[in-house]
Amino acid sequence: MFAESFWGVEGFEELRKYLKHSTDLSKDIGILLAERAELELSYAKSLSKIGSKLSKATHVCIGTLAESWCLGGAEMEIEAELHRVFGQALLDDICKLIKSVIDSQSKARKPVEVTVEKAFKNFSDRRSDEAKCKKNAHSLTKDREKTIEQVNSARDGKIKNVSEKDLAKLEKKVTQLEESMTKADKEYFEAGRKAEAARQDWESQVFKACVQLQSIEDDRIRQMQDSLNRYTAYLAAIGPKMMTSCEKLTHAVGSVDAASDIRRISETKGKRPNQSEQLLLDFYAEDRGNVMDFERRKYALQGYVFSLEQDLEREHKGRDGVMRLMDVYKGQPSFGDQDDGIQRLASVDSMIRYLEASRLKITSSLAELNRQPKPESQLMRHFEKTKDKQGSSLTVLRMASLVSEGAAETSAAPTAFRPPADGSHFDDGEFDDAPYSPISRCTAIYDFSAKADNELTIRTGDVLTVFRKDDDGWWFGELNGRSGIFPGSYVK
């Protein structure tokens, strides 16, 4: 539950702050109980002396009145012994238990928090490197365009008194800038991939840390519940005069519920749902506001799409390998941890989504450049476009984290990310074999031909039974005894 509620930098810091407060509370309880124990022991010592003096005082007298007061003195000593036992029990049992809980909690939390801090520092460094590479790539591209314009103007006679030697220097400078720009673009591309990988690692470490910290907090609550239960038991032994307080505490002990506490902490302190913020690649050529020759812009965009498609192909092959490895883990659990396989699959799917979204964005820019219809995709509604401090475009893909979704699936492989119906989707066994109940019926308004085994061919006028509607625009349904996925935009 912590992993779903305390997401991102602010969420994890809020969780750390709350856990520190909970540890401080345990310390305060231990200190106050120690003070109570000292008061009980001091009271017991004084009461025992008074009771002994009273008993001795009654020895000089005879009669029923003296015997009654002598019994009163003895009862004082018995009550003193009860308080002494209670105070000593607080010191030897409860206070030591609380101190042990605090020490073990601190030791358990420290390595978890250090791991997250290291992952976040690595992520911050990679993001900084990416920003530097981006700035350099944009600057070189801008300089190259400016120099090319100077060369063209000199050739056209717009700039006078330019010698052939000067023109040759400008052309050489263009060549050098193009080489530098190509190298800078490649460095920026690699920096972007490294930053995304570091972000995924940090996100995964946050998720794991939240799971571990939830377990630690759950243990603390249960240990403190046990301390309160012991305190109640010792208090109840003091006598009828403490019964009212004991009944209240007994009711309080019985009402302690670790699961309920975890839920309330998450609801009141959690920052936001588990959404990933993937910073997509934004090349100079994508922004039509940046000065650039039409053909060079087109050639650059086509090159970026080609590079992304090559990376996507490699990632898909890697995903197939992870799936095969998970099948081995499922058949032979002793070979490896299936949860680790699920996390690896979620990481691969997250990278595929990052590359797919970047390709979709660049393809849209290319289509706009060629005055062609832009590809339609549900992914676009998750794009958030802003500007950085230097005025460069920033595009963030904000969607549910695949890391936490993957980790939630412990009995089967997680559902992989499915791209939209624009011809770019991939076949990863999107739907499992679990039974579904019909939720609606729909009529096809366009023809759609299946391109994969898990897709459903439909024709205009076909009436389909719908079992599920996914956020990415693909629906799962049945037609004439065959089931599969089809684009929701093709039906009504």
Protein backbone atom coordinates (compact mmCIF):
# COMPACT_ATOMS: atom_id res chain seq x y z
CA MET A 1 0.00 0.00 0.00
CA PHE A 2 2.90 2.38 0.74
CA ALA A 3 4.30 1.66 -2.74
CA GLU A 4 1.05 2.86 -4.34
CA SER A 5 0.71 5.99 -2.22
CA PHE A 6 4.16 7.42 -1.54
CA TRP A 7 5.33 7.99 -5.12
CA GLY A 8 8.02 10.24 -6.47
CA VAL A 9 10.46 12.44 -4.57
CA GLU A 10 7.82 14.25 -2.51
CA GLY A 11 5.96 11.06 -1.67
CA PHE A 12 9.06 9.18 -0.49
CA GLU A 13 10.24 12.17 1.56
CA GLU A 14 6.80 12.36 3.17
CA LEU A 15 7.05 8.67 4.04
CA ARG A 16 10.51 9.15 5.56
CA LYS A 17 9.24 12.12 7.56
CA TYR A 18 6.29 10.16 8.86
CA LEU A 19 8.43 7.15 9.81
CA LYS A 20 10.78 9.47 11.71
CA HIS A 21 7.79 10.85 13.62
CA SER A 22 6.63 7.32 14.41
CA THR A 23 10.12 6.41 15.70
CA ASP A 24 10.20 9.59 17.81
CA LEU A 25 6.82 8.61 19.25
CA SER A 26 8.21 5.21 20.25
CA LYS A 27 11.19 6.95 21.90
CA ASP A 28 8.90 9.33 23.81
CA ILE A 29 6.76 6.43 24.99
CA GLY A 30 9.87 4.62 26.25
CA ILE A 31 11.12 7.74 28.10
CA LEU A 32 7.75 8.44 29.70
CA LEU A 33 7.29 4.81 30.78
CA ALA A 34 10.76 4.89 32.36
CA GLU A 35 9.74 8.00 34.32
CA ARG A 36 6.53 6.24 35.35
CA ALA A 37 8.58 3.24 36.52
CA GLU A 38 10.82 5.46 38.68
CA LEU A 39 7.76 7.09 40.22
CA GLU A 40 6.21 3.68 40.92
CA LEU A 41 9.40 2.42 42.58
CA SER A 42 9.76 5.59 44.65
CA TYR A 43 6.10 5.46 45.66
CA ALA A 44 6.37 1.75 46.55
CA LYS A 45 9.44 2.39 48.75
CA SER A 46 7.75 5.23 50.62
CA LEU A 47 4.45 3.36 50.98
CA SER A 48 6.25 0.26 52.32
CA LYS A 49 7.95 2.36 55.03
CA ILE A 50 4.65 3.92 56.04
CA GLY A 51 2.96 0.53 56.18
CA SER A 52 5.78 -0.94 58.30
CA LYS A 53 5.64 1.99 60.75
CA LEU A 54 1.88 1.68 61.05
CA SER A 55 2.14 -2.03 61.78
CA LYS A 56 4.79 -1.43 64.46
CA ALA A 57 2.75 1.39 65.97
CA THR A 58 -0.22 -0.90 66.47
CA HIS A 59 1.86 -3.51 68.37
CA VAL A 60 1.79 -1.45 71.55
CA CYS A 61 -1.97 -1.62 71.64
CA ILE A 62 -4.47 -4.41 71.94
CA GLY A 63 -8.04 -4.74 70.91
CA THR A 64 -10.03 -4.87 67.67
CA LEU A 65 -9.21 -1.27 66.72
CA ALA A 66 -5.43 -1.88 66.88
CA GLU A 67 -5.78 -5.18 64.98
CA SER A 68 -7.74 -3.40 62.24
CA TRP A 69 -5.07 -0.70 61.83
CA CYS A 70 -2.36 -3.37 61.92
CA LEU A 71 -4.15 -5.09 59.03
CA GLY A 72 -4.27 -1.70 57.32
CA GLY A 73 -0.47 -1.42 57.62
CA ALA A 74 -0.01 -4.91 56.19
CA GLU A 75 -2.29 -4.03 53.25
CA MET A 76 -0.17 -0.94 52.64
CA GLU A 77 2.92 -3.14 52.35
CA ILE A 78 1.05 -5.50 49.99
CA GLU A 79 0.00 -2.52 47.84
CA ALA A 80 3.58 -1.21 47.90
CA GLU A 81 4.82 -4.55 46.65
CA LEU A 82 2.31 -4.41 43.79
CA HIS A 83 3.62 -0.98 42.76
CA ARG A 84 7.25 -2.15 43.11
CA VAL A 85 6.57 -5.16 40.89
CA PHE A 86 4.76 -2.96 38.40
CA GLY A 87 7.56 -0.36 38.26
CA GLN A 88 10.28 -3.01 37.93
CA ALA A 89 8.31 -4.74 35.16
CA LEU A 90 8.08 -1.45 33.26
CA LEU A 91 11.87 -1.09 33.37
CA ASP A 92 12.89 -4.70 32.78
CA ASP A 93 10.24 -5.73 30.27
CA ILE A 94 8.46 -2.93 28.44
CA CYS A 95 11.15 -0.23 28.32
CA LYS A 96 13.78 -2.71 27.15
CA LEU A 97 11.41 -4.03 24.49
CA ILE A 98 10.72 -0.51 23.17
CA LYS A 99 14.43 0.28 23.10
CA SER A 100 15.06 -2.92 21.16
CA VAL A 101 12.32 -2.01 18.68
CA ILE A 102 13.78 1.46 18.12
CA ASP A 103 17.31 0.13 17.61
CA SER A 104 16.22 -2.59 15.18
CA GLN A 105 14.00 -0.15 13.26
CA SER A 106 16.85 2.33 12.81
CA LYS A 107 19.25 -0.37 11.61
CA ALA A 108 16.69 -1.77 9.17
CA ARG A 109 15.68 1.60 7.71
CA LYS A 110 19.14 3.07 7.18
CA PRO A 111 20.35 0.79 4.32
CA VAL A 112 16.95 1.07 2.61
CA GLU A 113 17.03 4.86 2.63
CA VAL A 114 20.71 4.96 1.60
CA THR A 115 19.93 2.77 -1.44
CA VAL A 116 17.15 5.13 -2.55
CA GLU A 117 19.38 8.18 -2.00
CA LYS A 118 22.13 6.67 -4.16
CA ALA A 119 19.64 5.80 -6.92
CA PHE A 120 18.20 9.33 -6.82
CA LYS A 121 21.67 10.91 -6.96
CA ASN A 122 22.52 8.75 -9.97
CA PHE A 123 19.22 9.73 -11.60
CA SER A 124 19.86 13.43 -10.93
CA ASP A 125 23.37 13.20 -12.36
CA ARG A 126 22.13 11.42 -15.48
CA ARG A 127 19.37 13.96 -15.97
CA SER A 128 21.93 16.75 -15.65
CA ASP A 129 24.15 15.05 -18.25
CA GLU A 130 21.16 14.72 -20.55
CA ALA A 131 20.36 18.43 -20.24
CA LYS A 132 23.97 19.35 -21.07
CA CYS A 133 24.01 17.06 -24.11
CA LYS A 134 20.69 18.45 -25.29
CA LYS A 135 21.90 22.02 -24.98
CA ASN A 136 25.07 21.19 -26.91
CA ALA A 137 23.17 19.35 -29.68
CA HIS A 138 20.71 22.22 -30.14
CA SER A 139 23.47 24.80 -30.12
CA LEU A 140 25.53 22.98 -32.78
CA THR A 141 22.50 22.45 -35.00
CA LYS A 142 21.61 26.12 -34.72
CA ASP A 143 25.19 27.17 -35.57
CA ARG A 144 25.27 24.84 -38.56
CA GLU A 145 22.03 26.27 -39.93
CA LYS A 146 23.31 29.80 -39.48
CA THR A 147 26.61 28.98 -41.24
CA ILE A 148 24.82 27.27 -44.15
CA GLU A 149 22.69 30.38 -44.61
CA GLN A 150 25.86 32.46 -44.74
CA VAL A 151 27.34 30.16 -47.39
CA ASN A 152 24.15 30.31 -49.48
CA SER A 153 23.97 34.08 -49.16
CA ALA A 154 27.61 34.40 -50.25
CA ARG A 155 27.03 32.18 -53.27
CA ASP A 156 23.91 34.11 -54.24
CA GLY A 157 25.75 37.40 -53.99
CA LYS A 158 23.71 38.67 -51.08
CA ILE A 159 26.91 39.16 -49.11
CA LYS A 160 29.55 41.15 -51.01
CA ASN A 161 33.33 41.13 -50.79
CA VAL A 162 33.49 37.41 -49.89
CA SER A 163 36.54 35.77 -51.42
CA GLU A 164 36.75 32.19 -52.57
CA LYS A 165 39.09 31.53 -49.66
CA ASP A 166 36.56 32.89 -47.17
CA LEU A 167 33.82 30.86 -48.84
CA ALA A 168 35.95 27.72 -48.57
CA LYS A 169 36.47 28.39 -44.88
CA LEU A 170 32.73 28.72 -44.36
CA GLU A 171 32.08 25.47 -46.22
CA LYS A 172 34.73 23.71 -44.14
CA LYS A 173 33.11 25.09 -41.02
CA VAL A 174 29.75 23.68 -42.18
CA THR A 175 31.33 20.25 -42.59
CA GLN A 176 32.92 20.43 -39.15
CA LEU A 177 29.67 21.57 -37.58
CA GLU A 178 27.76 18.73 -39.23
CA GLU A 179 30.24 16.21 -37.84
CA SER A 180 30.03 17.77 -34.40
CA MET A 181 26.24 17.93 -34.61
CA THR A 182 25.98 14.24 -35.51
CA LYS A 183 28.24 13.34 -32.60
CA ALA A 184 26.29 15.64 -30.24
CA ASP A 185 22.94 14.17 -31.33
CA LYS A 186 24.26 10.69 -30.66
CA GLU A 187 25.58 11.74 -27.26
CA TYR A 188 22.24 13.34 -26.45
CA PHE A 189 20.38 10.22 -27.53
CA GLU A 190 22.60 8.02 -25.35
CA ALA A 191 22.35 10.45 -22.43
CA GLY A 192 18.57 10.35 -22.74
CA ARG A 193 18.57 6.55 -22.63
CA LYS A 194 20.89 6.52 -19.62
CA ALA A 195 18.76 9.10 -17.83
CA GLU A 196 15.63 7.06 -18.49
CA ALA A 197 17.35 3.89 -17.28
CA ALA A 198 18.52 5.71 -14.14
CA ARG A 199 14.98 7.03 -13.59
CA GLN A 200 13.58 3.53 -13.91
CA ASP A 201 16.19 2.22 -11.46
CA TRP A 202 15.36 5.01 -9.00
CA GLU A 203 11.65 4.38 -9.40
CA SER A 204 12.18 0.66 -8.85
CA GLN A 205 14.30 1.34 -5.75
CA VAL A 206 11.60 3.67 -4.38
CA PHE A 207 9.01 0.97 -4.93
CA LYS A 208 11.14 -1.69 -3.21
CA ALA A 209 11.97 0.70 -0.38
CA CYS A 210 8.28 1.48 0.18
CA VAL A 211 7.52 -2.23 0.39
CA GLN A 212 10.37 -2.76 2.88
CA LEU A 213 9.49 0.32 4.93
CA GLN A 214 5.87 -0.80 5.07
CA SER A 215 7.03 -4.12 6.48
CA ILE A 216 9.26 -2.32 9.00
CA GLU A 217 6.44 0.01 10.04
CA ASP A 218 4.04 -2.92 10.28
CA ASP A 219 6.52 -4.66 12.61
CA ARG A 220 6.90 -1.49 14.71
CA ILE A 221 3.15 -1.15 15.11
CA ARG A 222 2.81 -4.77 16.16
CA GLN A 223 5.73 -4.51 18.62
CA MET A 224 4.32 -1.33 20.13
CA GLN A 225 0.94 -3.03 20.31
CA ASP A 226 2.61 -5.85 22.25
CA SER A 227 4.21 -3.28 24.58
CA LEU A 228 0.83 -1.68 25.22
CA ASN A 229 -0.67 -5.10 25.83
CA ARG A 230 2.01 -5.93 28.42
CA TYR A 231 1.57 -2.55 30.08
CA THR A 232 -2.16 -3.24 30.35
CA ALA A 233 -1.57 -6.68 31.86
CA TYR A 234 0.77 -5.30 34.57
CA LEU A 235 -1.58 -2.42 35.29
CA ALA A 236 -4.53 -4.75 35.66
CA ALA A 237 -2.68 -6.66 38.41
CA ILE A 238 -2.59 -3.61 40.70
CA GLY A 239 -6.20 -3.98 41.81
CA PRO A 240 -9.80 -2.96 41.54
CA LYS A 241 -8.94 0.75 41.82
CA MET A 242 -7.20 0.50 38.42
CA MET A 243 -9.98 -1.43 36.69
CA THR A 244 -11.53 1.57 34.99
CA SER A 245 -8.22 2.49 33.40
CA CYS A 246 -7.54 -1.16 32.57
CA GLU A 247 -10.87 -1.54 30.78
CA LYS A 248 -10.14 1.49 28.65
CA LEU A 249 -6.69 0.21 27.76
CA THR A 250 -7.98 -3.30 27.10
CA HIS A 251 -10.47 -1.86 24.68
CA ALA A 252 -7.67 0.17 23.09
CA VAL A 253 -5.44 -2.90 22.76
CA GLY A 254 -8.26 -4.88 21.15
CA SER A 255 -8.89 -2.13 18.65
CA VAL A 256 -5.30 -1.97 17.37
CA ASP A 257 -5.23 -3.05 13.75
CA ALA A 258 -1.92 -2.78 11.83
CA ALA A 259 -3.65 -3.04 8.44
CA SER A 260 -6.04 -0.22 9.33
CA ASP A 261 -3.15 1.98 10.48
CA ILE A 262 -1.24 1.38 7.25
CA ARG A 263 -4.35 2.30 5.26
CA ARG A 264 -4.95 5.51 7.18
CA ILE A 265 -1.28 6.53 6.85
CA SER A 266 -1.44 6.01 3.11
CA GLU A 267 -4.74 7.87 2.68
CA THR A 268 -3.81 10.90 4.77
CA LYS A 269 -0.09 11.20 4.01
CA GLY A 270 0.18 9.77 0.50
CA LYS A 271 1.04 12.37 -2.15
CA ARG A 272 -0.29 11.05 -5.47
CA PRO A 273 -0.99 7.87 -7.48
CA ASN A 274 1.86 5.86 -8.95
CA GLN A 275 2.45 7.76 -12.16
CA SER A 276 5.73 7.69 -14.03
CA GLU A 277 7.09 10.89 -15.57
CA GLN A 278 9.07 9.89 -18.63
CA LEU A 279 10.94 12.81 -20.20
CA LEU A 280 10.79 12.09 -23.92
CA LEU A 281 13.45 13.01 -26.45
CA ASP A 282 12.95 16.49 -27.96
CA PHE A 283 15.26 17.07 -30.93
CA TYR A 284 15.95 20.43 -32.46
CA ALA A 285 14.38 19.40 -35.77
CA GLU A 286 11.01 18.65 -34.16
CA ASP A 287 10.27 22.23 -33.20
CA ARG A 288 9.01 24.06 -36.29
CA GLY A 289 9.89 27.28 -34.53
CA ASN A 290 13.59 26.43 -34.76
CA VAL A 291 15.23 27.68 -37.94
CA MET A 292 16.20 24.73 -40.15
CA ASP A 293 16.19 23.81 -43.84
CA PHE A 294 13.17 21.74 -44.89
CA GLU A 295 15.10 18.83 -46.41
CA ARG A 296 17.61 18.68 -43.56
CA ARG A 297 14.80 18.79 -41.03
CA LYS A 298 13.00 16.00 -42.85
CA TYR A 299 16.18 13.92 -43.17
CA ALA A 300 16.98 14.41 -39.47
CA LEU A 301 13.47 13.38 -38.35
CA GLN A 302 13.57 10.29 -40.56
CA GLY A 303 16.94 9.36 -39.06
CA TYR A 304 15.61 9.69 -35.52
CA VAL A 305 12.61 7.49 -36.35
CA PHE A 306 14.92 4.89 -37.89
CA SER A 307 17.15 4.86 -34.78
CA LEU A 308 14.14 4.52 -32.47
CA GLU A 309 12.75 1.65 -34.53
CA GLN A 310 16.08 -0.15 -34.29
CA ASP A 311 16.08 0.30 -30.52
CA LEU A 312 12.48 -0.89 -30.32
CA GLU A 313 13.36 -4.03 -32.22
CA ARG A 314 16.19 -4.75 -29.78
CA GLU A 315 13.96 -4.09 -26.77
CA HIS A 316 11.27 -6.43 -28.12
CA LYS A 317 13.85 -9.16 -28.54
CA GLY A 318 15.03 -8.53 -25.00
CA ARG A 319 11.45 -8.71 -23.77
CA ASP A 320 10.97 -12.07 -25.47
CA GLY A 321 14.05 -13.30 -23.61
CA VAL A 322 12.67 -12.10 -20.27
CA MET A 323 9.35 -13.82 -20.99
CA ARG A 324 11.13 -17.08 -21.74
CA LEU A 325 13.14 -16.69 -18.55
CA MET A 326 9.94 -16.15 -16.55
CA ASP A 327 8.48 -19.31 -18.06
CA VAL A 328 11.54 -21.16 -16.79
CA TYR A 329 11.14 -19.60 -13.34
CA LYS A 330 7.47 -20.55 -13.30
CA GLY A 331 8.19 -24.17 -14.20
CA GLN A 332 11.31 -24.43 -12.01
CA PRO A 333 10.99 -21.98 -9.05
CA SER A 334 14.39 -23.09 -7.73
CA PHE A 335 16.08 -21.58 -10.80
CA GLY A 336 15.34 -17.99 -9.82
CA ASP A 337 13.02 -15.44 -8.24
CA GLN A 338 9.90 -14.91 -10.36
CA ASP A 339 9.27 -11.52 -8.71
CA ASP A 340 12.65 -10.38 -10.03
CA GLY A 341 11.56 -11.51 -13.51
CA ILE A 342 8.35 -9.52 -13.19
CA GLN A 343 10.32 -6.41 -12.25
CA ARG A 344 12.67 -6.91 -15.19
CA LEU A 345 9.72 -7.33 -17.55
CA ALA A 346 8.11 -4.17 -16.22
CA SER A 347 11.39 -2.29 -16.74
CA VAL A 348 11.62 -3.51 -20.35
CA ASP A 349 7.98 -2.55 -20.99
CA SER A 350 8.64 0.89 -19.54
CA MET A 351 11.58 1.39 -21.92
CA ILE A 352 9.43 0.19 -24.85
CA ARG A 353 6.75 2.70 -23.89
CA TYR A 354 9.40 5.44 -23.69
CA LEU A 355 10.75 4.59 -27.16
CA GLU A 356 7.24 4.13 -28.66
CA ALA A 357 6.12 7.51 -27.31
CA SER A 358 9.27 9.23 -28.63
CA ARG A 359 8.80 7.62 -32.02
CA LEU A 360 5.12 8.61 -32.10
CA LYS A 361 6.00 12.22 -31.27
CA ILE A 362 8.71 12.44 -33.95
CA THR A 363 6.48 10.66 -36.51
CA SER A 364 3.78 13.26 -35.81
CA SER A 365 6.29 16.05 -36.43
CA LEU A 366 7.34 14.37 -39.67
CA ALA A 367 3.72 14.00 -40.78
CA GLU A 368 3.06 17.65 -40.01
CA LEU A 369 6.16 18.61 -41.97
CA ASN A 370 4.95 16.60 -44.99
CA ARG A 371 1.39 17.97 -44.56
CA GLN A 372 0.05 14.49 -43.97
CA PRO A 373 -2.47 13.32 -41.36
CA LYS A 374 -0.85 12.75 -37.99
CA PRO A 375 -0.99 9.22 -36.55
CA GLU A 376 -3.75 8.84 -33.99
CA SER A 377 -2.92 7.33 -30.62
CA GLN A 378 -4.32 7.33 -27.10
CA LEU A 379 -0.75 7.90 -25.94
CA MET A 380 -0.92 11.53 -27.06
CA ARG A 381 -3.45 12.41 -24.38
CA HIS A 382 -0.78 11.54 -21.81
CA PHE A 383 1.75 14.00 -23.32
CA GLU A 384 2.49 17.16 -21.34
CA LYS A 385 4.43 19.80 -23.29
CA THR A 386 6.31 22.57 -21.51
CA LYS A 387 9.44 24.68 -21.91
CA ASP A 388 12.61 24.61 -19.84
CA LYS A 389 14.37 27.72 -18.53
CA GLN A 390 16.25 28.08 -21.82
CA GLY A 391 13.03 27.93 -23.85
CA SER A 392 13.64 24.47 -25.26
CA SER A 393 10.70 22.12 -25.68
CA LEU A 394 10.05 19.49 -23.01
CA THR A 395 7.61 16.61 -23.47
CA VAL A 396 6.67 14.44 -20.48
CA LEU A 397 4.76 11.18 -20.79
CA ARG A 398 2.76 10.82 -17.60
CA MET A 399 1.17 7.36 -17.22
CA ALA A 400 0.75 4.66 -14.60
CA SER A 401 4.09 3.19 -13.55
CA LEU A 402 4.75 -0.24 -15.05
CA VAL A 403 7.16 -1.00 -12.20
CA SER A 404 4.47 -1.04 -9.54
CA GLU A 405 1.93 -2.67 -11.88
CA GLY A 406 4.41 -5.42 -12.64
CA ALA A 407 5.29 -5.98 -8.98
CA ALA A 408 1.60 -6.31 -8.07
CA GLU A 409 1.31 -9.39 -10.31
CA THR A 410 2.79 -12.19 -8.19
CA SER A 411 0.95 -15.17 -9.64
CA ALA A 412 1.38 -14.41 -13.35
CA ALA A 413 3.41 -12.28 -15.72
CA PRO A 414 2.25 -8.65 -15.87
CA THR A 415 0.22 -7.26 -18.74
CA ALA A 416 2.63 -5.58 -21.13
CA PHE A 417 2.12 -2.09 -22.52
CA ARG A 418 0.16 -2.12 -25.78
CA PRO A 419 0.63 0.76 -28.22
CA PRO A 420 -2.32 2.28 -30.12
CA ALA A 421 -3.95 1.10 -33.32
CA ASP A 422 -1.64 2.97 -35.70
CA GLY A 423 0.16 -0.02 -37.11
CA SER A 424 2.95 0.15 -34.53
CA HIS A 425 1.62 -2.23 -31.90
CA PHE A 426 3.52 -5.37 -31.04
CA ASP A 427 2.45 -8.87 -30.11
CA ASP A 428 3.34 -9.76 -26.56
CA GLY A 429 0.40 -11.87 -25.46
CA GLU A 430 -1.52 -8.85 -24.26
CA PHE A 431 -4.42 -10.66 -22.66
CA ASP A 432 -4.29 -13.58 -20.27
CA ASP A 433 -6.69 -16.52 -20.30
CA ALA A 434 -8.83 -15.37 -17.38
CA PRO A 435 -12.62 -15.45 -18.09
CA TYR A 436 -14.46 -12.16 -18.64
CA SER A 437 -18.10 -11.15 -18.34
CA PRO A 438 -19.69 -9.17 -21.20
CA ILE A 439 -19.92 -5.46 -20.43
CA SER A 440 -21.59 -4.19 -23.65
CA ARG A 441 -22.20 -4.79 -27.35
CA CYS A 442 -21.02 -2.63 -30.25
CA THR A 443 -21.33 -2.33 -34.04
CA ALA A 444 -18.36 -2.01 -36.40
CA ILE A 445 -18.38 1.19 -38.46
CA TYR A 446 -15.09 0.51 -40.29
CA ASP A 447 -13.30 -2.58 -41.58
CA PHE A 448 -10.26 -3.78 -39.64
CA SER A 449 -7.97 -6.62 -40.72
CA ALA A 450 -6.07 -8.49 -38.03
CA LYS A 451 -2.29 -8.23 -38.26
CA ALA A 452 -1.49 -10.53 -35.31
CA ASP A 453 -2.87 -13.76 -33.89
CA ASN A 454 -4.43 -12.02 -30.92
CA GLU A 455 -6.32 -9.45 -33.05
CA LEU A 456 -9.86 -9.78 -34.36
CA THR A 457 -10.85 -9.07 -37.98
CA ILE A 458 -14.08 -7.06 -38.18
CA ARG A 459 -16.22 -5.76 -41.04
CA THR A 460 -18.62 -2.84 -41.18
CA GLY A 461 -21.93 -3.85 -39.63
CA ASP A 462 -20.56 -6.68 -37.48
CA VAL A 463 -22.07 -6.82 -33.98
CA LEU A 464 -19.48 -7.69 -31.32
CA THR A 465 -19.67 -8.60 -27.65
CA VAL A 466 -17.28 -6.46 -25.57
CA PHE A 467 -15.54 -7.93 -22.51
CA ARG A 468 -13.00 -5.24 -21.71
CA LYS A 469 -12.03 -1.69 -22.71
CA ASP A 470 -8.41 -0.68 -22.15
CA ASP A 471 -7.11 2.87 -21.66
CA ASP A 472 -4.86 2.59 -24.72
CA GLY A 473 -7.87 2.45 -27.09
CA TRP A 474 -7.91 -1.32 -27.70
CA TRP A 475 -10.97 -3.38 -26.78
CA PHE A 476 -11.24 -7.12 -26.13
CA GLY A 477 -14.35 -8.82 -27.54
CA GLU A 478 -15.88 -11.73 -29.41
CA LEU A 479 -17.36 -12.18 -32.90
CA ASN A 480 -18.79 -15.42 -34.28
CA GLY A 481 -17.10 -17.53 -31.60
CA ARG A 482 -13.66 -15.90 -32.04
CA SER A 483 -12.19 -13.55 -29.44
CA GLY A 484 -9.41 -10.98 -29.72
CA ILE A 485 -8.54 -7.30 -29.59
CA PHE A 486 -9.67 -4.58 -31.99
CA PRO A 487 -9.44 -0.75 -32.06
CA GLY A 488 -12.28 0.90 -30.15
CA SER A 489 -12.37 3.79 -32.61
CA TYR A 490 -13.62 1.38 -35.34
CA VAL A 491 -16.90 0.65 -33.53
CA LYS A 492 -19.77 2.50 -31.96
